Amino acid sequence: MTTDERTDVPLTDEERSERLAQLLALIELMRPSVQADGGDLVLLSADVQTGVVEVQLQGACSSCAVSSSTLQGGVERILKGRLSWITDVVGSVDEDLDFESSAAMGAGGYVPKQ
């Protein structure tokens, strides 16, 4: 573990900004794959000091049987694999949509809120 990866050594503002930019860029890279299936991937929070990131699957993902696999096998694996400072990925699925609304979006039908 290098000095800048230790959670007890505060990061500079520049290091914090760089880590957040890397994370946002990677999330944006992954979103089209999730959107192609009618869902979306959003970043809810990120503690760039401790490396804990919280993401959420939305849209058609709320009714998808493999949502948890997508979070663990895809999103978490990619984030931890490409950004060495990430220590934990907490994922959830937005269940605000009812099954009919979510299913009606179909593949690629979800347009994320701006």
N, C-alpha and C. Protein backbone atom coordinates (compact mmCIF):
# COMPACT_ATOMS: atom_id res chain seq x y z
N MET A 1 0.85 -1.17 0.00
CA MET A 1 0.00 0.00 0.00
C MET A 1 0.90 1.24 0.00
N THR A 2 0.66 2.13 -0.95
CA THR A 2 1.45 3.35 -1.01
C THR A 2 0.88 4.38 -0.05
N THR A 3 1.65 5.41 0.22
CA THR A 3 1.24 6.42 1.19
C THR A 3 -0.09 7.06 0.80
N ASP A 4 -0.29 7.36 -0.48
CA ASP A 4 -1.52 8.04 -0.88
C ASP A 4 -2.74 7.13 -0.83
N GLU A 5 -2.56 5.81 -0.70
CA GLU A 5 -3.68 4.88 -0.60
C GLU A 5 -4.12 4.66 0.84
N ARG A 6 -3.36 5.13 1.80
CA ARG A 6 -3.71 4.95 3.20
C ARG A 6 -4.83 5.91 3.55
N THR A 7 -5.82 5.43 4.26
CA THR A 7 -6.96 6.27 4.60
C THR A 7 -6.67 7.21 5.75
N ASP A 8 -5.55 7.00 6.46
CA ASP A 8 -5.24 7.90 7.57
C ASP A 8 -4.39 9.08 7.14
N VAL A 9 -3.98 9.14 5.88
CA VAL A 9 -3.23 10.27 5.36
C VAL A 9 -4.18 11.08 4.48
N PRO A 10 -4.51 12.30 4.90
CA PRO A 10 -5.46 13.11 4.12
C PRO A 10 -4.99 13.37 2.70
N LEU A 11 -5.92 13.33 1.77
CA LEU A 11 -5.62 13.64 0.38
C LEU A 11 -5.65 15.14 0.18
N THR A 12 -4.88 15.60 -0.78
CA THR A 12 -4.95 17.01 -1.15
C THR A 12 -6.22 17.23 -1.96
N ASP A 13 -6.62 18.48 -2.11
CA ASP A 13 -7.80 18.79 -2.92
C ASP A 13 -7.60 18.32 -4.36
N GLU A 14 -6.38 18.44 -4.85
CA GLU A 14 -6.09 18.00 -6.21
C GLU A 14 -6.25 16.49 -6.35
N GLU A 15 -5.77 15.74 -5.36
CA GLU A 15 -5.92 14.27 -5.38
C GLU A 15 -7.39 13.87 -5.30
N ARG A 16 -8.14 14.54 -4.45
CA ARG A 16 -9.59 14.26 -4.33
C ARG A 16 -10.28 14.52 -5.66
N SER A 17 -9.97 15.64 -6.26
CA SER A 17 -10.58 16.02 -7.53
C SER A 17 -10.22 15.02 -8.63
N GLU A 18 -8.98 14.59 -8.66
CA GLU A 18 -8.52 13.63 -9.67
C GLU A 18 -9.25 12.29 -9.51
N ARG A 19 -9.35 11.82 -8.28
CA ARG A 19 -10.04 10.54 -8.04
C ARG A 19 -11.50 10.62 -8.43
N LEU A 20 -12.17 11.71 -8.09
CA LEU A 20 -13.58 11.86 -8.44
C LEU A 20 -13.76 11.93 -9.95
N ALA A 21 -12.88 12.63 -10.62
CA ALA A 21 -12.94 12.72 -12.09
C ALA A 21 -12.75 11.34 -12.72
N GLN A 22 -11.81 10.56 -12.21
CA GLN A 22 -11.59 9.20 -12.72
C GLN A 22 -12.85 8.35 -12.53
N LEU A 23 -13.45 8.45 -11.37
CA LEU A 23 -14.64 7.66 -11.07
C LEU A 23 -15.80 8.06 -11.97
N LEU A 24 -16.04 9.36 -12.11
CA LEU A 24 -17.14 9.82 -12.96
C LEU A 24 -16.94 9.40 -14.41
N ALA A 25 -15.71 9.46 -14.89
CA ALA A 25 -15.42 9.05 -16.26
C ALA A 25 -15.70 7.56 -16.45
N LEU A 26 -15.35 6.75 -15.47
CA LEU A 26 -15.58 5.32 -15.58
C LEU A 26 -17.07 4.98 -15.50
N ILE A 27 -17.80 5.68 -14.65
CA ILE A 27 -19.26 5.49 -14.58
C ILE A 27 -19.88 5.83 -15.93
N GLU A 28 -19.47 6.95 -16.52
CA GLU A 28 -20.00 7.36 -17.82
C GLU A 28 -19.66 6.34 -18.91
N LEU A 29 -18.53 5.69 -18.79
CA LEU A 29 -18.13 4.66 -19.74
C LEU A 29 -19.03 3.43 -19.63
N MET A 30 -19.48 3.11 -18.42
CA MET A 30 -20.31 1.92 -18.19
C MET A 30 -21.79 2.17 -18.47
N ARG A 31 -22.27 3.39 -18.34
CA ARG A 31 -23.70 3.68 -18.45
C ARG A 31 -24.35 3.22 -19.74
N PRO A 32 -23.73 3.41 -20.92
CA PRO A 32 -24.42 2.99 -22.15
C PRO A 32 -24.77 1.50 -22.18
N SER A 33 -23.95 0.66 -21.57
CA SER A 33 -24.26 -0.78 -21.53
C SER A 33 -25.52 -1.05 -20.73
N VAL A 34 -25.66 -0.36 -19.61
CA VAL A 34 -26.84 -0.54 -18.77
C VAL A 34 -28.06 0.10 -19.44
N GLN A 35 -27.86 1.26 -20.06
CA GLN A 35 -28.96 1.95 -20.74
C GLN A 35 -29.48 1.15 -21.93
N ALA A 36 -28.62 0.37 -22.56
CA ALA A 36 -29.03 -0.45 -23.70
C ALA A 36 -30.07 -1.49 -23.31
N ASP A 37 -30.09 -1.84 -22.03
CA ASP A 37 -31.08 -2.80 -21.53
C ASP A 37 -32.24 -2.12 -20.82
N GLY A 38 -32.37 -0.80 -20.99
CA GLY A 38 -33.50 -0.09 -20.42
C GLY A 38 -33.28 0.43 -19.02
N GLY A 39 -32.07 0.39 -18.52
CA GLY A 39 -31.79 0.87 -17.17
C GLY A 39 -30.82 2.03 -17.18
N ASP A 40 -30.29 2.30 -16.03
CA ASP A 40 -29.26 3.32 -15.93
C ASP A 40 -28.43 3.06 -14.68
N LEU A 41 -27.24 3.59 -14.66
CA LEU A 41 -26.32 3.47 -13.54
C LEU A 41 -25.98 4.87 -13.07
N VAL A 42 -26.23 5.13 -11.78
CA VAL A 42 -25.93 6.46 -11.24
C VAL A 42 -25.02 6.33 -10.02
N LEU A 43 -24.19 7.32 -9.85
CA LEU A 43 -23.32 7.41 -8.69
C LEU A 43 -24.08 8.18 -7.62
N LEU A 44 -24.30 7.55 -6.47
CA LEU A 44 -25.01 8.20 -5.38
C LEU A 44 -24.05 8.93 -4.44
N SER A 45 -22.92 8.32 -4.16
CA SER A 45 -21.93 8.97 -3.30
C SER A 45 -20.57 8.32 -3.51
N ALA A 46 -19.54 9.07 -3.15
CA ALA A 46 -18.18 8.56 -3.25
C ALA A 46 -17.33 9.22 -2.18
N ASP A 47 -16.72 8.40 -1.34
CA ASP A 47 -15.75 8.89 -0.37
C ASP A 47 -14.38 8.55 -0.94
N VAL A 48 -13.77 9.51 -1.59
CA VAL A 48 -12.51 9.24 -2.27
C VAL A 48 -11.36 9.04 -1.28
N GLN A 49 -11.56 9.40 -0.04
CA GLN A 49 -10.54 9.18 0.99
C GLN A 49 -10.51 7.70 1.41
N THR A 50 -11.69 7.15 1.74
CA THR A 50 -11.75 5.76 2.20
C THR A 50 -11.93 4.78 1.05
N GLY A 51 -12.36 5.26 -0.12
CA GLY A 51 -12.55 4.39 -1.27
C GLY A 51 -13.90 3.71 -1.33
N VAL A 52 -14.87 4.19 -0.55
CA VAL A 52 -16.22 3.61 -0.55
C VAL A 52 -17.09 4.37 -1.55
N VAL A 53 -17.67 3.63 -2.48
CA VAL A 53 -18.48 4.20 -3.55
C VAL A 53 -19.87 3.58 -3.47
N GLU A 54 -20.91 4.41 -3.65
CA GLU A 54 -22.28 3.91 -3.66
C GLU A 54 -22.92 4.21 -5.01
N VAL A 55 -23.41 3.16 -5.66
CA VAL A 55 -24.05 3.30 -6.97
C VAL A 55 -25.46 2.71 -6.90
N GLN A 56 -26.25 3.06 -7.91
CA GLN A 56 -27.62 2.54 -7.96
C GLN A 56 -27.99 2.23 -9.41
N LEU A 57 -28.64 1.09 -9.60
CA LEU A 57 -29.21 0.75 -10.89
C LEU A 57 -30.65 1.26 -10.90
N GLN A 58 -31.06 1.85 -12.02
CA GLN A 58 -32.40 2.43 -12.12
C GLN A 58 -33.09 1.93 -13.37
N GLY A 59 -34.32 2.35 -13.53
CA GLY A 59 -35.10 2.02 -14.73
C GLY A 59 -35.49 0.55 -14.77
N ALA A 60 -35.33 -0.07 -15.92
CA ALA A 60 -35.73 -1.46 -16.10
C ALA A 60 -34.95 -2.41 -15.19
N CYS A 61 -33.86 -1.94 -14.63
CA CYS A 61 -33.07 -2.78 -13.71
C CYS A 61 -33.87 -3.15 -12.47
N SER A 62 -34.89 -2.36 -12.14
CA SER A 62 -35.66 -2.65 -10.93
C SER A 62 -36.44 -3.95 -11.04
N SER A 63 -36.72 -4.39 -12.27
CA SER A 63 -37.45 -5.65 -12.44
C SER A 63 -36.58 -6.75 -13.04
N CYS A 64 -35.30 -6.50 -13.15
CA CYS A 64 -34.39 -7.46 -13.78
C CYS A 64 -33.87 -8.47 -12.76
N ALA A 65 -33.93 -9.73 -13.13
CA ALA A 65 -33.50 -10.81 -12.22
C ALA A 65 -32.00 -10.84 -12.00
N VAL A 66 -31.23 -10.24 -12.88
CA VAL A 66 -29.77 -10.30 -12.75
C VAL A 66 -29.16 -8.97 -12.27
N SER A 67 -29.97 -8.12 -11.68
CA SER A 67 -29.48 -6.83 -11.20
C SER A 67 -28.34 -6.98 -10.20
N SER A 68 -28.50 -7.90 -9.25
CA SER A 68 -27.44 -8.07 -8.24
C SER A 68 -26.16 -8.61 -8.88
N SER A 69 -26.29 -9.44 -9.89
CA SER A 69 -25.12 -9.94 -10.61
C SER A 69 -24.43 -8.81 -11.38
N THR A 70 -25.24 -7.92 -11.95
CA THR A 70 -24.69 -6.77 -12.66
C THR A 70 -23.91 -5.88 -11.71
N LEU A 71 -24.45 -5.67 -10.52
CA LEU A 71 -23.76 -4.84 -9.54
C LEU A 71 -22.47 -5.47 -9.07
N GLN A 72 -22.52 -6.74 -8.70
CA GLN A 72 -21.34 -7.40 -8.14
C GLN A 72 -20.36 -7.84 -9.22
N GLY A 73 -20.85 -8.54 -10.21
CA GLY A 73 -19.97 -9.11 -11.22
C GLY A 73 -19.50 -8.13 -12.27
N GLY A 74 -20.26 -7.06 -12.45
CA GLY A 74 -19.90 -6.09 -13.46
C GLY A 74 -19.39 -4.80 -12.87
N VAL A 75 -20.30 -4.03 -12.29
CA VAL A 75 -19.95 -2.70 -11.80
C VAL A 75 -18.84 -2.74 -10.75
N GLU A 76 -19.00 -3.54 -9.72
CA GLU A 76 -18.00 -3.60 -8.65
C GLU A 76 -16.65 -4.09 -9.19
N ARG A 77 -16.68 -5.12 -10.00
CA ARG A 77 -15.45 -5.69 -10.56
C ARG A 77 -14.70 -4.66 -11.41
N ILE A 78 -15.43 -3.93 -12.23
CA ILE A 78 -14.80 -2.94 -13.10
C ILE A 78 -14.24 -1.77 -12.29
N LEU A 79 -15.04 -1.26 -11.35
CA LEU A 79 -14.58 -0.13 -10.55
C LEU A 79 -13.32 -0.48 -9.75
N LYS A 80 -13.36 -1.61 -9.05
CA LYS A 80 -12.20 -2.01 -8.24
C LYS A 80 -11.01 -2.38 -9.12
N GLY A 81 -11.28 -2.96 -10.27
CA GLY A 81 -10.20 -3.37 -11.16
C GLY A 81 -9.47 -2.21 -11.83
N ARG A 82 -10.19 -1.14 -12.09
CA ARG A 82 -9.58 -0.01 -12.81
C ARG A 82 -9.15 1.14 -11.91
N LEU A 83 -9.74 1.22 -10.72
CA LEU A 83 -9.37 2.30 -9.80
C LEU A 83 -8.90 1.66 -8.50
N SER A 84 -7.60 1.58 -8.33
CA SER A 84 -7.02 0.86 -7.20
C SER A 84 -7.38 1.43 -5.84
N TRP A 85 -7.81 2.67 -5.79
CA TRP A 85 -8.14 3.30 -4.51
C TRP A 85 -9.54 2.91 -4.01
N ILE A 86 -10.35 2.29 -4.85
CA ILE A 86 -11.70 1.89 -4.42
C ILE A 86 -11.59 0.63 -3.56
N THR A 87 -12.14 0.72 -2.35
CA THR A 87 -12.08 -0.39 -1.40
C THR A 87 -13.40 -1.14 -1.29
N ASP A 88 -14.52 -0.45 -1.55
CA ASP A 88 -15.83 -1.09 -1.40
C ASP A 88 -16.83 -0.41 -2.32
N VAL A 89 -17.67 -1.21 -2.94
CA VAL A 89 -18.75 -0.69 -3.79
C VAL A 89 -20.07 -1.15 -3.19
N VAL A 90 -20.87 -0.20 -2.79
CA VAL A 90 -22.19 -0.48 -2.23
C VAL A 90 -23.19 -0.22 -3.35
N GLY A 91 -23.98 -1.22 -3.66
CA GLY A 91 -24.92 -1.08 -4.76
C GLY A 91 -26.35 -1.33 -4.33
N SER A 92 -27.26 -0.68 -5.02
CA SER A 92 -28.68 -0.89 -4.77
C SER A 92 -29.43 -0.77 -6.09
N VAL A 93 -30.69 -1.14 -6.04
CA VAL A 93 -31.57 -1.03 -7.20
C VAL A 93 -32.72 -0.12 -6.82
N ASP A 94 -33.00 0.87 -7.66
CA ASP A 94 -34.10 1.78 -7.42
C ASP A 94 -35.40 1.02 -7.66
N GLU A 95 -36.13 0.81 -6.60
CA GLU A 95 -37.37 0.05 -6.71
C GLU A 95 -38.60 0.94 -6.67
N ASP A 96 -38.43 2.24 -6.97
CA ASP A 96 -39.55 3.16 -6.98
C ASP A 96 -40.51 2.88 -8.13
N LEU A 97 -40.00 2.33 -9.21
CA LEU A 97 -40.86 2.00 -10.34
C LEU A 97 -41.60 0.70 -10.07
N ASP A 98 -42.87 0.67 -10.46
CA ASP A 98 -43.57 -0.60 -10.35
C ASP A 98 -43.17 -1.48 -11.53
N PHE A 99 -43.47 -2.76 -11.43
CA PHE A 99 -43.02 -3.72 -12.43
C PHE A 99 -43.50 -3.35 -13.83
N GLU A 100 -44.78 -2.95 -13.97
CA GLU A 100 -45.34 -2.65 -15.29
C GLU A 100 -44.63 -1.47 -15.95
N SER A 101 -44.37 -0.41 -15.17
CA SER A 101 -43.69 0.76 -15.72
C SER A 101 -42.27 0.42 -16.13
N SER A 102 -41.60 -0.34 -15.30
CA SER A 102 -40.23 -0.72 -15.59
C SER A 102 -40.18 -1.62 -16.83
N ALA A 103 -41.05 -2.60 -16.89
CA ALA A 103 -41.06 -3.53 -18.02
C ALA A 103 -41.44 -2.81 -19.31
N ALA A 104 -42.31 -1.79 -19.22
CA ALA A 104 -42.74 -1.06 -20.41
C ALA A 104 -41.61 -0.29 -21.07
N MET A 105 -40.56 0.00 -20.31
CA MET A 105 -39.43 0.73 -20.87
C MET A 105 -38.70 -0.11 -21.90
N GLY A 106 -38.69 -1.42 -21.70
CA GLY A 106 -38.04 -2.31 -22.64
C GLY A 106 -36.56 -2.04 -22.79
N ALA A 107 -35.94 -2.73 -23.69
CA ALA A 107 -34.50 -2.58 -23.90
C ALA A 107 -34.20 -1.23 -24.53
N GLY A 108 -33.36 -0.49 -23.88
CA GLY A 108 -32.93 0.81 -24.40
C GLY A 108 -33.95 1.92 -24.27
N GLY A 109 -35.04 1.67 -23.59
CA GLY A 109 -36.10 2.67 -23.52
C GLY A 109 -35.96 3.69 -22.42
N TYR A 110 -35.03 3.49 -21.51
CA TYR A 110 -34.92 4.38 -20.36
C TYR A 110 -34.12 5.62 -20.72
N VAL A 111 -34.68 6.77 -20.44
CA VAL A 111 -33.98 8.04 -20.64
C VAL A 111 -33.71 8.60 -19.24
N PRO A 112 -32.44 8.72 -18.86
CA PRO A 112 -32.13 9.16 -17.50
C PRO A 112 -32.58 10.58 -17.22
N LYS A 113 -32.93 10.85 -15.97
CA LYS A 113 -33.30 12.20 -15.55
C LYS A 113 -32.06 13.07 -15.59
N GLN A 114 -32.25 14.32 -15.96
CA GLN A 114 -31.09 15.22 -16.02
C GLN A 114 -31.19 16.28 -14.97
